[in-house]
Amino acid sequence: MTDDTTPVLPPVPGTGPEDAPELTPAQRKRAGSRHQAFEGGTGGKLLGYAGMVAAVLLFFVPLYFIAITSLKNHGDIYSDPITWLPNPFVPENYSYVLSEVRFDRYLRNSIIITSILTVIEVSLGVMCAYGFSFLRFPGRNLLFLLVIASLMVPNQVTVISNYALVASWGWRNTFQGIIVPLAAVAFGTFLMRNHFLSLPKEVMEAAELDGTGFFRTLFRVVLPMSWPTLIAFTLITVVNEWNQYLWPFLMSDTDKVAPLPIGLTQLQDNEGLTNWGPVMAGTVLTAVPMLIVFLILQKQMIKGLTAGAVKG
């Protein structure tokens, strides 16, 4: 009779799971990174980089051609094959636009209209949002719904009625005729109200216990905690009003009050559909101020638009 039992060998010291060396936090982090890289693979990364490169090209290539076309002469614009650098270099397109077409007047008008509209819209938007957030009065929610509903009505729907009203007041070719109908605050009220409601209630209660008044609470407590959102609201307002076209086009016949987008249209009408050098120079002059403003305030704008998205 044979014995089928197999002898069990004792474990070798130092080879068990409990004897494995403990990894340091840095080693665990590197191991996790290698694991994620192994799971993701290089294909996903390459696809992501390709998408970013495509997005950058789609955005910057048209801007680059606008810039170089503004520095080309008429023959170089239509050269075949296309030239990627101006040859010869023609900065006279900019001096022509500023002197002959008087683009400086349109620039002045845009600065006046945008500055006044920004001050009005931001001030009224903040005050309306503050009232809807912290004041209690009958019909508050219904009134706020009406404000939000106005965002759903396209501006083109009210153009005819607004034009008839403003023309009857004799406001054509005036700054007030352009500014007053555009001074809407529905978007700013919506944006700032949502931010005000996200502020810590403890801070507002402490301000109330200290006996701070309505405006003192706004300027000493609420606004200091709301700078990112306020800057985002201001930047959106500036860009939107700078690019207004339809209403200023209806309200202005000359360069007396017409802003830059209208001046760009007049420039294209004067130069026709062939002399694109001065037209592109005017386009650059129209776009550069807003690009500078955006580059300066982009971080604050992103903070304001994402405020309250993550809590921790």
Protein backbone atom coordinates (compact mmCIF):
# COMPACT_ATOMS: atom_id res chain seq x y z
CA MET A 1 0.00 0.00 0.00
CA THR A 2 1.51 3.34 -1.13
CA ASP A 3 1.29 6.65 0.72
CA ASP A 4 -0.20 9.36 -1.56
CA THR A 5 0.36 12.20 0.89
CA THR A 6 2.78 14.89 -0.25
CA PRO A 7 5.00 16.46 2.35
CA VAL A 8 4.33 20.18 2.99
CA LEU A 9 7.50 22.24 2.95
CA PRO A 10 7.82 25.04 5.49
CA PRO A 11 7.79 28.58 4.06
CA VAL A 12 11.08 30.21 3.37
CA PRO A 13 11.61 33.15 5.66
CA GLY A 14 11.34 36.59 3.97
CA THR A 15 9.17 35.45 1.01
CA GLY A 16 5.66 35.90 2.41
CA PRO A 17 3.35 38.82 1.61
CA GLU A 18 3.69 40.16 5.11
CA ASP A 19 7.46 40.31 4.62
CA ALA A 20 7.28 42.57 1.52
CA PRO A 21 8.99 45.95 2.05
CA GLU A 22 6.59 48.83 2.65
CA LEU A 23 6.62 51.43 -0.13
CA THR A 24 7.17 55.07 0.67
CA PRO A 25 4.51 57.63 -0.48
CA ALA A 26 6.78 58.78 -3.30
CA GLN A 27 7.26 55.20 -4.51
CA ARG A 28 3.51 54.55 -4.40
CA LYS A 29 2.89 57.73 -6.39
CA ARG A 30 5.41 56.71 -9.07
CA ALA A 31 3.93 53.23 -9.24
CA GLY A 32 0.44 54.65 -9.63
CA SER A 33 1.62 57.00 -12.38
CA ARG A 34 3.25 54.11 -14.26
CA HIS A 35 0.05 52.10 -13.88
CA GLN A 36 -2.10 54.92 -15.24
CA ALA A 37 0.29 55.50 -18.14
CA PHE A 38 0.23 51.77 -18.91
CA GLU A 39 -3.59 51.72 -18.86
CA GLY A 40 -4.01 54.91 -20.90
CA GLY A 41 -1.36 54.08 -23.45
CA THR A 42 0.31 56.48 -25.83
CA GLY A 43 -2.54 56.37 -28.33
CA GLY A 44 -4.87 58.41 -26.15
CA LYS A 45 -2.18 60.99 -25.47
CA LEU A 46 -1.34 61.35 -29.15
CA LEU A 47 -5.03 61.77 -29.96
CA GLY A 48 -5.36 64.47 -27.31
CA TYR A 49 -2.30 66.34 -28.55
CA ALA A 50 -3.56 66.10 -32.13
CA GLY A 51 -6.88 67.60 -31.07
CA MET A 52 -5.16 70.49 -29.30
CA VAL A 53 -2.94 71.20 -32.30
CA ALA A 54 -5.95 71.16 -34.64
CA ALA A 55 -7.87 73.55 -32.38
CA VAL A 56 -4.90 75.94 -32.19
CA LEU A 57 -4.45 75.88 -35.97
CA LEU A 58 -8.15 76.50 -36.61
CA PHE A 59 -8.02 79.52 -34.30
CA PHE A 60 -4.64 81.07 -35.12
CA VAL A 61 -4.23 80.47 -38.86
CA PRO A 62 -7.10 82.83 -39.86
CA LEU A 63 -5.80 85.45 -37.41
CA TYR A 64 -2.32 85.10 -38.84
CA PHE A 65 -3.55 85.61 -42.41
CA ILE A 66 -5.55 88.67 -41.35
CA ALA A 67 -2.41 90.14 -39.78
CA ILE A 68 -0.08 89.46 -42.72
CA THR A 69 -2.67 90.55 -45.29
CA SER A 70 -2.88 93.91 -43.53
CA LEU A 71 0.84 94.34 -44.26
CA LYS A 72 0.78 93.33 -47.96
CA ASN A 73 0.31 95.34 -51.12
CA HIS A 74 -2.46 94.56 -53.59
CA GLY A 75 -0.36 92.33 -55.86
CA ASP A 76 1.17 90.32 -53.04
CA ILE A 77 -2.28 89.47 -51.63
CA TYR A 78 -3.25 87.67 -54.84
CA SER A 79 0.12 86.00 -55.50
CA ASP A 80 0.16 82.33 -56.49
CA PRO A 81 1.49 80.40 -54.63
CA ILE A 82 0.45 82.16 -51.47
CA THR A 83 3.16 83.93 -49.46
CA TRP A 84 3.36 83.38 -45.71
CA LEU A 85 5.30 86.59 -45.06
CA PRO A 86 4.68 90.10 -46.46
CA ASN A 87 7.09 90.93 -49.29
CA PRO A 88 7.35 93.90 -49.48
CA PHE A 89 6.36 95.02 -45.98
CA VAL A 90 3.54 97.62 -46.31
CA PRO A 91 2.65 99.31 -42.99
CA GLU A 92 1.12 102.17 -44.99
CA ASN A 93 -2.20 100.31 -44.92
CA TYR A 94 -2.58 101.31 -41.26
CA SER A 95 -1.70 104.96 -41.83
CA TYR A 96 -4.14 105.02 -44.76
CA VAL A 97 -6.93 103.68 -42.59
CA LEU A 98 -6.26 106.15 -39.78
CA SER A 99 -5.81 109.21 -42.00
CA GLU A 100 -7.97 108.78 -45.09
CA VAL A 101 -10.90 106.83 -43.64
CA ARG A 102 -10.55 108.52 -40.20
CA PHE A 103 -10.74 105.27 -38.31
CA ASP A 104 -9.65 107.20 -35.23
CA ARG A 105 -13.14 108.72 -35.03
CA TYR A 106 -14.78 105.32 -35.06
CA LEU A 107 -12.32 104.20 -32.38
CA ARG A 108 -13.23 107.20 -30.22
CA ASN A 109 -16.94 106.46 -30.63
CA SER A 110 -16.45 102.79 -29.70
CA ILE A 111 -14.56 103.76 -26.54
CA ILE A 112 -17.30 106.22 -25.50
CA ILE A 113 -20.18 103.84 -26.18
CA THR A 114 -18.50 100.80 -24.61
CA SER A 115 -17.34 102.68 -21.51
CA ILE A 116 -20.74 104.23 -20.76
CA LEU A 117 -22.66 101.01 -21.44
CA THR A 118 -20.26 98.99 -19.28
CA VAL A 119 -20.65 101.35 -16.31
CA ILE A 120 -24.46 101.37 -16.63
CA GLU A 121 -24.88 97.63 -17.15
CA VAL A 122 -22.47 96.57 -14.42
CA SER A 123 -23.92 99.02 -11.89
CA LEU A 124 -27.54 98.12 -12.60
CA GLY A 125 -26.74 94.40 -12.86
CA VAL A 126 -25.04 94.35 -9.45
CA MET A 127 -27.80 96.38 -7.79
CA CYS A 128 -30.60 94.25 -9.29
CA ALA A 129 -28.85 91.01 -8.37
CA TYR A 130 -28.22 92.27 -4.83
CA GLY A 131 -31.88 93.16 -4.42
CA PHE A 132 -33.11 89.83 -5.78
CA SER A 133 -30.68 87.98 -3.50
CA PHE A 134 -31.16 89.68 -0.13
CA LEU A 135 -34.39 91.68 -0.21
CA ARG A 136 -37.74 90.09 0.61
CA PHE A 137 -40.74 91.55 -1.21
CA PRO A 138 -43.95 90.15 -2.74
CA GLY A 139 -43.58 88.77 -6.25
CA ARG A 140 -39.78 88.61 -6.10
CA ASN A 141 -39.52 85.20 -7.77
CA LEU A 142 -42.06 86.11 -10.45
CA LEU A 143 -40.22 89.32 -11.26
CA PHE A 144 -36.92 87.44 -11.50
CA LEU A 145 -38.53 84.93 -13.89
CA LEU A 146 -39.59 87.83 -16.11
CA VAL A 147 -36.01 89.10 -16.13
CA ILE A 148 -34.73 85.65 -17.12
CA ALA A 149 -37.46 85.33 -19.77
CA SER A 150 -36.18 88.50 -21.44
CA LEU A 151 -32.94 86.63 -22.19
CA MET A 152 -34.90 84.28 -24.44
CA VAL A 153 -36.20 87.09 -26.67
CA PRO A 154 -33.79 87.81 -29.58
CA ASN A 155 -32.76 91.44 -29.97
CA GLN A 156 -33.92 91.40 -33.59
CA VAL A 157 -37.53 90.98 -32.44
CA THR A 158 -37.57 94.38 -30.73
CA VAL A 159 -35.54 96.30 -33.33
CA ILE A 160 -38.51 97.75 -35.22
CA SER A 161 -40.38 98.97 -32.15
CA ASN A 162 -37.22 100.38 -30.57
CA TYR A 163 -36.26 102.12 -33.80
CA ALA A 164 -39.68 103.75 -34.15
CA LEU A 165 -39.59 104.94 -30.53
CA VAL A 166 -36.04 106.29 -30.62
CA ALA A 167 -36.56 107.98 -34.00
CA SER A 168 -39.72 109.70 -32.70
CA TRP A 169 -37.62 111.18 -29.87
CA GLY A 170 -35.11 112.59 -32.38
CA TRP A 171 -32.27 110.47 -31.06
CA ARG A 172 -30.90 109.22 -34.38
CA ASN A 173 -27.19 109.99 -34.86
CA THR A 174 -26.77 110.56 -31.12
CA PHE A 175 -24.95 108.62 -28.42
CA GLN A 176 -28.06 108.33 -26.26
CA GLY A 177 -29.95 106.80 -29.17
CA ILE A 178 -27.36 104.01 -29.31
CA ILE A 179 -26.72 103.61 -25.59
CA VAL A 180 -30.16 103.68 -23.93
CA PRO A 181 -31.80 100.78 -25.85
CA LEU A 182 -28.68 98.61 -25.33
CA ALA A 183 -28.46 99.15 -21.54
CA ALA A 184 -30.07 95.82 -20.63
CA VAL A 185 -29.02 94.02 -17.44
CA ALA A 186 -30.80 90.64 -17.62
CA PHE A 187 -27.66 88.55 -18.10
CA GLY A 188 -25.69 90.42 -15.45
CA THR A 189 -28.58 90.12 -12.99
CA PHE A 190 -28.74 86.37 -13.56
CA LEU A 191 -24.96 85.86 -13.25
CA MET A 192 -24.42 88.04 -10.18
CA ARG A 193 -27.54 86.80 -8.35
CA ASN A 194 -26.37 83.19 -8.63
CA HIS A 195 -23.00 84.19 -7.24
CA PHE A 196 -24.45 86.25 -4.38
CA LEU A 197 -26.60 83.30 -3.31
CA SER A 198 -23.47 81.12 -3.11
CA LEU A 199 -21.76 83.40 -0.58
CA PRO A 200 -21.40 82.06 2.98
CA LYS A 201 -24.57 82.78 4.96
CA GLU A 202 -22.53 83.14 8.15
CA VAL A 203 -20.78 86.22 6.75
CA MET A 204 -24.07 87.86 5.79
CA GLU A 205 -25.58 87.07 9.19
CA ALA A 206 -22.54 88.53 10.93
CA ALA A 207 -22.84 91.71 8.84
CA GLU A 208 -26.53 91.94 9.75
CA LEU A 209 -25.75 91.51 13.47
CA ASP A 210 -23.14 94.26 13.24
CA GLY A 211 -25.86 96.60 11.98
CA THR A 212 -24.34 97.37 8.58
CA GLY A 213 -26.72 99.10 6.21
CA PHE A 214 -27.86 98.03 2.76
CA PHE A 215 -25.17 99.79 0.72
CA ARG A 216 -22.43 99.32 3.30
CA THR A 217 -23.01 95.56 3.25
CA LEU A 218 -22.83 95.61 -0.53
CA PHE A 219 -19.58 97.57 -0.79
CA ARG A 220 -17.82 96.34 2.37
CA VAL A 221 -18.89 92.69 2.50
CA VAL A 222 -20.46 91.36 -0.70
CA LEU A 223 -18.37 92.94 -3.47
CA PRO A 224 -14.95 92.20 -1.87
CA MET A 225 -15.91 88.49 -1.99
CA SER A 226 -17.19 88.77 -5.57
CA TRP A 227 -14.30 90.27 -7.55
CA PRO A 228 -13.68 87.30 -9.88
CA THR A 229 -17.35 87.07 -10.89
CA LEU A 230 -17.65 90.85 -11.17
CA ILE A 231 -14.57 91.03 -13.41
CA ALA A 232 -15.96 88.22 -15.59
CA PHE A 233 -19.27 90.07 -15.89
CA THR A 234 -17.45 93.30 -16.77
CA LEU A 235 -15.27 91.64 -19.41
CA ILE A 236 -18.24 89.92 -21.04
CA THR A 237 -20.08 93.25 -21.13
CA VAL A 238 -17.11 95.10 -22.63
CA VAL A 239 -16.60 92.55 -25.42
CA ASN A 240 -20.32 92.35 -26.19
CA GLU A 241 -20.82 96.10 -26.42
CA TRP A 242 -17.59 96.64 -28.37
CA ASN A 243 -18.86 94.25 -31.06
CA GLN A 244 -22.39 95.68 -31.32
CA TYR A 245 -23.30 96.12 -34.97
CA LEU A 246 -27.00 96.00 -35.90
CA TRP A 247 -28.39 98.68 -33.59
CA PRO A 248 -25.53 101.21 -34.07
CA PHE A 249 -25.82 100.61 -37.83
CA LEU A 250 -29.49 101.61 -37.74
CA MET A 251 -28.88 104.61 -35.48
CA SER A 252 -25.88 106.22 -37.22
CA ASP A 253 -25.45 107.57 -40.75
CA THR A 254 -22.05 109.23 -40.38
CA ASP A 255 -18.85 108.84 -38.39
CA LYS A 256 -20.18 111.28 -35.79
CA VAL A 257 -21.35 108.50 -33.44
CA ALA A 258 -20.74 105.27 -35.41
CA PRO A 259 -18.49 102.69 -33.65
CA LEU A 260 -15.68 100.61 -35.16
CA PRO A 261 -17.79 97.74 -36.61
CA ILE A 262 -19.72 100.32 -38.64
CA GLY A 263 -16.49 101.98 -39.70
CA LEU A 264 -15.19 98.61 -40.86
CA THR A 265 -18.27 98.19 -43.05
CA GLN A 266 -17.80 101.68 -44.51
CA LEU A 267 -14.15 100.89 -45.19
CA GLN A 268 -15.04 97.71 -47.07
CA ASP A 269 -17.65 99.60 -49.11
CA ASN A 270 -15.05 102.21 -50.05
CA GLU A 271 -12.33 99.71 -50.97
CA GLY A 272 -14.60 97.18 -52.69
CA LEU A 273 -14.02 93.44 -52.72
CA THR A 274 -10.50 93.54 -54.15
CA ASN A 275 -8.32 95.86 -52.03
CA TRP A 276 -8.14 93.75 -48.88
CA GLY A 277 -4.99 95.30 -47.39
CA PRO A 278 -6.67 98.36 -45.79
CA VAL A 279 -9.72 96.28 -44.85
CA MET A 280 -7.59 93.78 -42.95
CA ALA A 281 -5.70 96.65 -41.31
CA GLY A 282 -9.04 98.01 -40.08
CA THR A 283 -9.98 94.54 -38.86
CA VAL A 284 -6.78 94.32 -36.81
CA LEU A 285 -7.40 97.77 -35.30
CA THR A 286 -10.91 96.68 -34.36
CA ALA A 287 -9.89 93.39 -32.75
CA VAL A 288 -6.63 94.27 -30.99
CA PRO A 289 -8.13 96.30 -28.09
CA MET A 290 -10.40 93.43 -27.04
CA LEU A 291 -7.59 90.89 -27.39
CA ILE A 292 -5.44 92.97 -25.05
CA VAL A 293 -8.27 93.31 -22.51
CA PHE A 294 -8.96 89.57 -22.63
CA LEU A 295 -5.30 88.61 -22.21
CA ILE A 296 -5.02 90.86 -19.16
CA LEU A 297 -8.22 89.65 -17.47
CA GLN A 298 -8.49 86.04 -18.67
CA LYS A 299 -7.51 84.48 -15.32
CA GLN A 300 -10.07 86.54 -13.42
CA MET A 301 -12.72 85.73 -16.02
CA ILE A 302 -12.14 81.97 -15.71
CA LYS A 303 -12.25 82.20 -11.92
CA GLY A 304 -15.50 84.13 -12.06
CA LEU A 305 -17.23 81.78 -14.48
CA THR A 306 -16.18 78.70 -12.49
CA ALA A 307 -16.84 80.15 -9.03
CA GLY A 308 -19.01 77.79 -7.03
CA ALA A 309 -18.49 74.87 -9.41
CA VAL A 310 -16.25 73.05 -6.92
CA LYS A 311 -16.71 73.20 -3.18
CA GLY A 312 -14.15 71.98 -0.74
